[in-house]
Amino acid sequence: MAVTRRPEIELLRVVACAGVVLLHALLIFAPEPLYHLKSGVASPLAGVLAEALRVTTMPVFFLLAGWSAVAALRRRGVWGFLRERRRRLLVPLLSGMVLLCPFIKYIELRGGRDLAPGGFRLVTPTRWTLWEFLPHFFTQVRFATWSHLWFLVYLLVLSVLLLPVLRYLARLAPSARVPGAGWVYLPALVLAVWLVLVRGYWPYYPTLYRDWGNLAYYGLIMLAGGGIAAWPGAELALRRHWPGLLVLGGLGFVVVAGYGESMVGRVGVGLLAWGVAAGALGLAGRYPPAGGAWLERLGRAALPVYVLHHLPLLLIGLVTLRSGLPWAVQVPVIWLGALAVALLTTRLLVAPWRPGRVLLGMPAVG
């Protein structure tokens, strides 16, 4: 089946990727302790902004992943889809864990922090040199980390677990019937109720094996994306209701900011996540970008940039933290610097060479 390129989908991926990089820059200064590198002076405002980005960017990724999964199943079939998941998710995950995560873990331990599979703890800063540490990383499970690559793990697992439902959606005849407004807003209620029932989202520590509630939460969002792909009329409804959805997201943001890690706050997470993710998809569809080679290149670079950005971000953060500049100055420097390094690395070292393209999940040719 021929598939028309969707420039608005590409744009949303690019924006969500840039948002995740900004999220990581903000987490350095947020009061939340669960991060690899922390400033000695925390900013509550940085924490609120980081939480808002985390609540919204990851649902955008999973919503688009569900949409793309149904499109890929229509185009490639089940075995072609699974081969694509291996190439696009498993290979970059393993590459990142081997080539990048040892250095991320070392920065973390040098700062007296240990985000281990069993939980977070403050530790005495390691006295090992980097070269002394590397053998321990590869031989001791307690140093294992997938850092920001948890997203690839969750998406890979959900792609397999939800395959029967996604395959069913891919086989449905696309329906142009436009649903009523109630169907547009219903997923927000479903997500909110689910998070309350399972006491989900917080503490936000994606270890997979102890995080089944959040795995299911992102699975619901992924299924919603698949449903939108199978039901084009639903996407038309999002285009009609995008202003209301973004207002719903704004209400959710107020609830999250006001109530934080509580049952009411979890309701806010559901409203904010669906309002922004669905509203952004509707807005992008209502006013799609012109597209072009530049957007296509950025869309293809989104995955490599996501994989590559975290290490340069932490290294730039180590430098800027010594400057004593206000956090509002440091964050843009860290954010834009990490984006620039990741984009340049992708453009100069990954895209031109077949091994680099394979390791970072890009097409092997073209």
Protein backbone atom coordinates (compact mmCIF):
# COMPACT_ATOMS: atom_id res chain seq x y z
CA MET A 1 0.00 0.00 0.00
CA ALA A 2 1.39 3.40 -0.95
CA VAL A 3 1.84 5.73 1.98
CA THR A 4 1.77 9.51 1.54
CA ARG A 5 4.37 11.34 3.58
CA ARG A 6 2.85 13.41 6.36
CA PRO A 7 4.97 16.54 6.98
CA GLU A 8 2.96 17.42 10.08
CA ILE A 9 3.90 14.07 11.64
CA GLU A 10 7.56 14.75 10.85
CA LEU A 11 7.27 18.21 12.39
CA LEU A 12 5.72 16.89 15.59
CA ARG A 13 8.54 14.35 15.95
CA VAL A 14 11.14 17.07 15.53
CA VAL A 15 9.44 19.41 18.01
CA ALA A 16 8.97 16.61 20.56
CA CYS A 17 12.64 15.65 20.24
CA ALA A 18 13.73 19.25 20.82
CA GLY A 19 11.35 19.36 23.79
CA VAL A 20 12.95 16.30 25.38
CA VAL A 21 16.40 17.88 25.06
CA LEU A 22 15.07 21.02 26.76
CA LEU A 23 13.49 18.84 29.46
CA HIS A 24 16.86 17.27 30.24
CA ALA A 25 18.51 20.68 30.43
CA LEU A 26 15.85 21.85 32.89
CA LEU A 27 16.19 18.72 35.04
CA ILE A 28 19.71 19.79 35.99
CA PHE A 29 18.15 22.70 37.91
CA ALA A 30 14.85 21.12 39.02
CA PRO A 31 14.32 20.19 42.69
CA GLU A 32 13.62 16.59 41.65
CA PRO A 33 16.64 14.46 42.67
CA LEU A 34 16.26 11.76 39.99
CA TYR A 35 18.73 12.96 37.39
CA HIS A 36 22.36 12.30 36.46
CA LEU A 37 23.64 15.84 37.06
CA LYS A 38 22.26 18.42 39.48
CA SER A 39 22.93 22.04 40.24
CA GLY A 40 23.66 22.95 43.84
CA VAL A 41 20.86 25.52 43.67
CA ALA A 42 17.46 24.21 42.62
CA SER A 43 14.76 26.29 40.95
CA PRO A 44 11.08 25.48 41.56
CA LEU A 45 10.18 27.16 38.27
CA ALA A 46 12.64 24.94 36.38
CA GLY A 47 10.98 21.97 38.09
CA VAL A 48 7.49 23.03 36.97
CA LEU A 49 8.63 23.61 33.39
CA ALA A 50 10.48 20.28 33.33
CA GLU A 51 7.40 18.44 34.61
CA ALA A 52 5.20 20.09 32.00
CA LEU A 53 7.57 19.02 29.23
CA ARG A 54 7.85 15.48 30.53
CA VAL A 55 4.08 15.09 30.86
CA THR A 56 3.58 16.26 27.27
CA THR A 57 6.57 15.26 25.12
CA MET A 58 6.54 11.53 25.86
CA PRO A 59 2.80 11.14 25.10
CA VAL A 60 3.40 12.90 21.77
CA PHE A 61 6.09 10.32 20.99
CA PHE A 62 3.87 7.38 21.93
CA LEU A 63 0.83 8.78 20.11
CA LEU A 64 2.89 9.18 16.94
CA ALA A 65 4.42 5.74 17.49
CA GLY A 66 0.96 4.16 17.51
CA TRP A 67 -0.02 6.03 14.35
CA SER A 68 3.23 5.00 12.64
CA ALA A 69 2.90 1.37 13.76
CA VAL A 70 -0.46 0.97 12.02
CA ALA A 71 0.89 2.67 8.89
CA ALA A 72 3.96 0.39 8.93
CA LEU A 73 1.86 -2.76 9.41
CA ARG A 74 -0.26 -1.80 6.40
CA ARG A 75 2.86 -1.24 4.32
CA ARG A 76 5.16 -4.03 5.49
CA GLY A 77 3.05 -6.66 7.23
CA VAL A 78 3.83 -8.23 10.60
CA TRP A 79 7.30 -9.59 9.87
CA GLY A 80 8.39 -6.47 8.05
CA PHE A 81 7.12 -4.40 10.99
CA LEU A 82 9.08 -6.51 13.49
CA ARG A 83 12.24 -6.23 11.40
CA GLU A 84 11.76 -2.49 11.32
CA ARG A 85 11.33 -2.41 15.13
CA ARG A 86 14.58 -4.33 15.47
CA ARG A 87 16.39 -1.89 13.21
CA ARG A 88 14.82 1.28 14.57
CA LEU A 89 14.65 0.44 18.27
CA LEU A 90 16.72 -2.56 19.37
CA VAL A 91 19.93 -1.72 17.49
CA PRO A 92 20.05 1.97 18.60
CA LEU A 93 19.22 0.88 22.15
CA LEU A 94 22.12 -1.56 22.33
CA SER A 95 24.46 0.87 20.55
CA GLY A 96 23.60 3.66 22.98
CA MET A 97 23.95 1.46 26.05
CA VAL A 98 27.42 0.33 24.94
CA LEU A 99 28.81 3.55 23.45
CA LEU A 100 27.16 6.32 25.50
CA CYS A 101 25.70 5.03 28.77
CA PRO A 102 29.09 4.17 30.40
CA PHE A 103 30.09 7.83 30.19
CA ILE A 104 26.68 9.02 31.42
CA LYS A 105 26.94 6.66 34.39
CA TYR A 106 30.44 7.89 35.17
CA ILE A 107 29.30 11.53 35.24
CA GLU A 108 26.49 10.48 37.55
CA LEU A 109 28.80 8.65 39.98
CA ARG A 110 31.35 11.47 39.92
CA GLY A 111 28.57 13.71 41.20
CA GLY A 112 27.73 11.37 44.08
CA ARG A 113 24.53 10.04 42.56
CA ASP A 114 23.50 6.51 41.66
CA LEU A 115 20.36 5.87 39.60
CA ALA A 116 20.48 2.08 39.85
CA PRO A 117 17.86 -0.48 38.73
CA GLY A 118 16.85 -0.91 42.36
CA GLY A 119 16.33 2.80 43.01
CA PHE A 120 18.10 6.11 43.56
CA ARG A 121 20.63 6.86 46.27
CA LEU A 122 23.28 9.42 47.11
CA VAL A 123 26.76 7.90 47.24
CA THR A 124 30.31 8.99 47.89
CA PRO A 125 31.64 10.42 44.61
CA THR A 126 33.72 7.80 42.86
CA ARG A 127 37.49 8.19 42.83
CA TRP A 128 37.94 5.95 39.83
CA THR A 129 39.22 7.50 36.66
CA LEU A 130 37.04 6.98 33.62
CA TRP A 131 39.32 4.24 32.31
CA GLU A 132 39.28 2.48 35.69
CA PHE A 133 35.48 2.65 35.75
CA LEU A 134 34.73 1.32 32.26
CA PRO A 135 35.59 -2.36 33.00
CA HIS A 136 33.31 -2.24 36.06
CA PHE A 137 30.43 -0.86 33.99
CA PHE A 138 30.56 -3.81 31.62
CA THR A 139 31.02 -6.49 34.29
CA GLN A 140 28.82 -5.39 37.22
CA VAL A 141 25.03 -5.29 36.93
CA ARG A 142 24.75 -2.62 39.63
CA PHE A 143 26.16 -0.07 37.20
CA ALA A 144 23.70 -0.94 34.43
CA THR A 145 21.70 1.95 32.99
CA TRP A 146 19.78 2.78 29.84
CA SER A 147 19.38 6.41 30.91
CA HIS A 148 17.17 8.32 28.42
CA LEU A 149 17.03 5.25 26.18
CA TRP A 150 14.25 3.87 28.37
CA PHE A 151 11.87 5.24 25.73
CA LEU A 152 13.24 2.80 23.17
CA VAL A 153 12.84 -0.07 25.65
CA TYR A 154 9.23 0.80 26.43
CA LEU A 155 8.35 1.34 22.78
CA LEU A 156 9.94 -1.96 21.77
CA VAL A 157 8.09 -3.89 24.48
CA LEU A 158 4.78 -2.20 23.68
CA SER A 159 5.23 -2.81 19.95
CA VAL A 160 5.39 -6.55 20.69
CA LEU A 161 2.72 -6.70 23.40
CA LEU A 162 0.21 -4.62 21.45
CA LEU A 163 0.97 -6.21 18.08
CA PRO A 164 -2.32 -8.21 17.87
CA VAL A 165 -4.38 -5.06 18.47
CA LEU A 166 -2.26 -2.90 16.16
CA ARG A 167 -2.49 -5.57 13.46
CA TYR A 168 -6.29 -5.63 13.86
CA LEU A 169 -6.41 -1.84 13.50
CA ALA A 170 -4.20 -1.98 10.42
CA ARG A 171 -6.61 -4.45 8.76
CA LEU A 172 -9.69 -2.30 9.33
CA ALA A 173 -11.09 -0.37 6.42
CA PRO A 174 -10.36 3.32 7.15
CA SER A 175 -13.51 5.10 8.29
CA ALA A 176 -14.20 8.71 7.36
CA ARG A 177 -17.02 9.03 9.92
CA VAL A 178 -16.26 11.95 12.20
CA PRO A 179 -16.87 11.17 15.88
CA GLY A 180 -18.57 13.57 18.24
CA ALA A 181 -16.76 15.81 20.69
CA GLY A 182 -17.21 13.30 23.52
CA TRP A 183 -14.92 10.80 21.78
CA VAL A 184 -12.28 13.49 21.31
CA TYR A 185 -12.01 14.22 25.02
CA LEU A 186 -12.76 10.74 26.40
CA PRO A 187 -9.11 9.51 26.30
CA ALA A 188 -8.13 12.25 28.75
CA LEU A 189 -10.61 10.85 31.27
CA VAL A 190 -9.42 7.27 30.64
CA LEU A 191 -5.78 8.24 31.21
CA ALA A 192 -6.61 10.23 34.34
CA VAL A 193 -8.67 7.39 35.85
CA TRP A 194 -5.97 4.85 35.05
CA LEU A 195 -3.22 6.90 36.70
CA VAL A 196 -5.36 7.36 39.81
CA LEU A 197 -6.24 3.65 40.01
CA VAL A 198 -2.64 2.44 39.72
CA ARG A 199 -1.08 5.44 41.51
CA GLY A 200 0.90 5.94 38.34
CA TYR A 201 3.31 8.42 36.83
CA TRP A 202 5.05 9.37 40.11
CA PRO A 203 7.67 8.49 41.18
CA TYR A 204 8.92 8.80 37.60
CA TYR A 205 11.57 6.11 37.46
CA PRO A 206 11.25 4.02 34.25
CA THR A 207 12.86 0.69 35.14
CA LEU A 208 10.23 -1.30 33.17
CA TYR A 209 10.05 -4.29 35.51
CA ARG A 210 8.76 -2.16 38.42
CA ASP A 211 6.81 0.29 36.27
CA TRP A 212 3.93 -1.70 34.81
CA GLY A 213 1.39 1.06 35.55
CA ASN A 214 3.25 3.61 33.44
CA LEU A 215 3.98 1.00 30.76
CA ALA A 216 0.22 0.47 30.46
CA TYR A 217 -0.34 4.24 30.53
CA TYR A 218 1.92 4.76 27.55
CA GLY A 219 0.39 1.68 25.94
CA LEU A 220 -3.05 3.31 26.10
CA ILE A 221 -1.66 6.41 24.40
CA MET A 222 0.01 4.28 21.73
CA LEU A 223 -3.26 2.46 21.07
CA ALA A 224 -5.01 5.82 20.74
CA GLY A 225 -2.49 6.77 18.06
CA GLY A 226 -3.13 3.49 16.27
CA GLY A 227 -6.86 4.08 16.48
CA ILE A 228 -6.45 7.53 14.90
CA ALA A 229 -4.49 5.96 12.02
CA ALA A 230 -7.27 3.40 11.50
CA TRP A 231 -10.01 6.01 11.80
CA PRO A 232 -9.18 9.06 9.68
CA GLY A 233 -12.45 10.65 10.76
CA ALA A 234 -11.07 10.83 14.29
CA GLU A 235 -8.14 12.86 13.02
CA LEU A 236 -10.58 15.24 11.35
CA ALA A 237 -12.30 15.61 14.72
CA LEU A 238 -8.97 16.51 16.35
CA ARG A 239 -8.49 19.21 13.73
CA ARG A 240 -11.88 20.66 14.63
CA HIS A 241 -11.37 20.52 18.36
CA TRP A 242 -7.67 21.39 18.73
CA PRO A 243 -8.37 24.71 20.52
CA GLY A 244 -10.49 22.95 23.14
CA LEU A 245 -7.92 20.21 23.55
CA LEU A 246 -5.15 22.72 24.18
CA VAL A 247 -7.39 24.50 26.72
CA LEU A 248 -7.88 21.12 28.39
CA GLY A 249 -4.10 20.71 28.42
CA GLY A 250 -3.76 24.16 30.00
CA LEU A 251 -6.21 23.15 32.73
CA GLY A 252 -4.20 20.00 33.32
CA PHE A 253 -1.02 22.05 33.62
CA VAL A 254 -2.61 24.24 36.31
CA VAL A 255 -3.66 21.11 38.23
CA VAL A 256 -0.21 19.51 37.95
CA ALA A 257 1.54 22.72 39.01
CA GLY A 258 -0.86 23.27 41.88
CA TYR A 259 -1.22 19.76 43.30
CA GLY A 260 2.01 18.01 42.27
CA GLU A 261 2.51 14.39 43.24
CA SER A 262 -1.00 13.58 44.47
CA MET A 263 -4.14 11.87 43.23
CA VAL A 264 -5.47 15.20 41.98
CA GLY A 265 -2.12 15.84 40.33
CA ARG A 266 -2.42 12.51 38.51
CA VAL A 267 -5.76 13.63 37.10
CA GLY A 268 -3.94 16.72 35.85
CA VAL A 269 -1.31 14.53 34.19
CA GLY A 270 -3.98 12.72 32.17
CA LEU A 271 -5.65 15.97 31.11
CA LEU A 272 -2.37 17.67 30.24
CA ALA A 273 -0.93 14.68 28.36
CA TRP A 274 -3.95 14.06 26.15
CA GLY A 275 -4.85 17.73 25.70
CA VAL A 276 -1.42 18.66 24.38
CA ALA A 277 -0.65 15.47 22.43
CA ALA A 278 -4.03 15.28 20.68
CA GLY A 279 -4.31 19.05 20.37
CA ALA A 280 -0.86 19.27 18.77
CA LEU A 281 -1.78 16.54 16.27
CA GLY A 282 -5.01 18.35 15.45
CA LEU A 283 -3.30 21.74 15.13
CA ALA A 284 -0.53 20.34 12.92
CA GLY A 285 -3.13 18.64 10.72
CA ARG A 286 -5.24 21.80 10.52
CA TYR A 287 -2.24 23.92 9.53
CA PRO A 288 0.28 21.46 8.05
CA PRO A 289 3.77 22.69 7.16
CA ALA A 290 4.79 22.88 3.54
CA GLY A 291 7.29 20.12 4.07
CA GLY A 292 10.35 19.79 1.89
CA ALA A 293 13.80 18.25 2.04
CA TRP A 294 14.78 20.16 5.19
CA LEU A 295 11.89 18.75 7.20
CA GLU A 296 12.45 15.27 5.85
CA ARG A 297 16.12 15.42 6.89
CA LEU A 298 15.23 16.67 10.35
CA GLY A 299 12.59 13.97 10.71
CA ARG A 300 15.09 11.26 9.84
CA ALA A 301 17.61 12.80 12.24
CA ALA A 302 15.17 12.86 15.18
CA LEU A 303 16.04 9.35 16.41
CA PRO A 304 19.84 9.76 16.16
CA VAL A 305 19.60 13.15 17.86
CA TYR A 306 17.49 11.64 20.64
CA VAL A 307 20.05 8.87 21.18
CA LEU A 308 23.11 11.12 20.94
CA HIS A 309 22.09 14.31 22.74
CA HIS A 310 22.31 13.24 26.38
CA LEU A 311 26.06 12.85 26.77
CA PRO A 312 26.97 16.25 25.23
CA LEU A 313 24.17 17.82 27.27
CA LEU A 314 25.69 16.55 30.51
CA LEU A 315 29.20 17.58 29.45
CA ILE A 316 28.05 21.09 28.57
CA GLY A 317 26.16 21.18 31.87
CA LEU A 318 29.32 20.32 33.78
CA VAL A 319 31.01 23.33 32.21
CA THR A 320 28.17 25.83 32.63
CA LEU A 321 27.55 24.86 36.26
CA ARG A 322 31.02 26.19 37.06
CA SER A 323 30.18 29.56 35.54
CA GLY A 324 27.80 30.62 38.28
CA LEU A 325 25.39 32.09 35.70
CA PRO A 326 21.65 32.11 36.47
CA TRP A 327 19.84 28.91 35.55
CA ALA A 328 17.70 30.81 33.04
CA VAL A 329 20.89 31.61 31.12
CA GLN A 330 22.48 28.19 31.48
CA VAL A 331 19.43 26.24 30.29
CA PRO A 332 19.34 27.73 26.75
CA VAL A 333 23.12 27.29 26.43
CA ILE A 334 22.91 23.63 27.46
CA TRP A 335 19.80 22.97 25.36
CA LEU A 336 20.98 24.58 22.14
CA GLY A 337 24.54 23.35 22.59
CA ALA A 338 23.42 19.74 22.99
CA LEU A 339 21.10 20.02 19.98
CA ALA A 340 23.89 21.50 17.88
CA VAL A 341 26.38 18.77 18.84
CA ALA A 342 23.86 15.98 18.22
CA LEU A 343 22.76 17.42 14.87
CA LEU A 344 26.33 17.97 13.69
CA THR A 345 27.33 14.47 14.79
CA THR A 346 24.37 13.04 12.91
CA ARG A 347 25.12 15.10 9.81
CA LEU A 348 28.88 14.54 9.69
CA LEU A 349 29.53 11.19 11.37
CA VAL A 350 26.31 9.17 11.19
CA ALA A 351 24.35 9.99 8.03
CA PRO A 352 27.25 9.74 5.52
CA TRP A 353 28.42 6.30 6.69
CA ARG A 354 26.50 3.04 6.54
CA PRO A 355 27.77 1.67 9.91
CA GLY A 356 26.73 4.86 11.67
CA ARG A 357 23.32 4.82 10.03
CA VAL A 358 22.75 1.22 11.04
CA LEU A 359 23.85 1.78 14.66
CA LEU A 360 21.58 4.82 15.07
CA GLY A 361 18.48 3.38 13.39
CA MET A 362 18.60 5.38 10.15
CA PRO A 363 17.95 3.73 6.77
CA ALA A 364 21.07 1.86 5.71
CA VAL A 365 20.98 3.57 2.30
CA GLY A 366 19.55 6.76 0.93
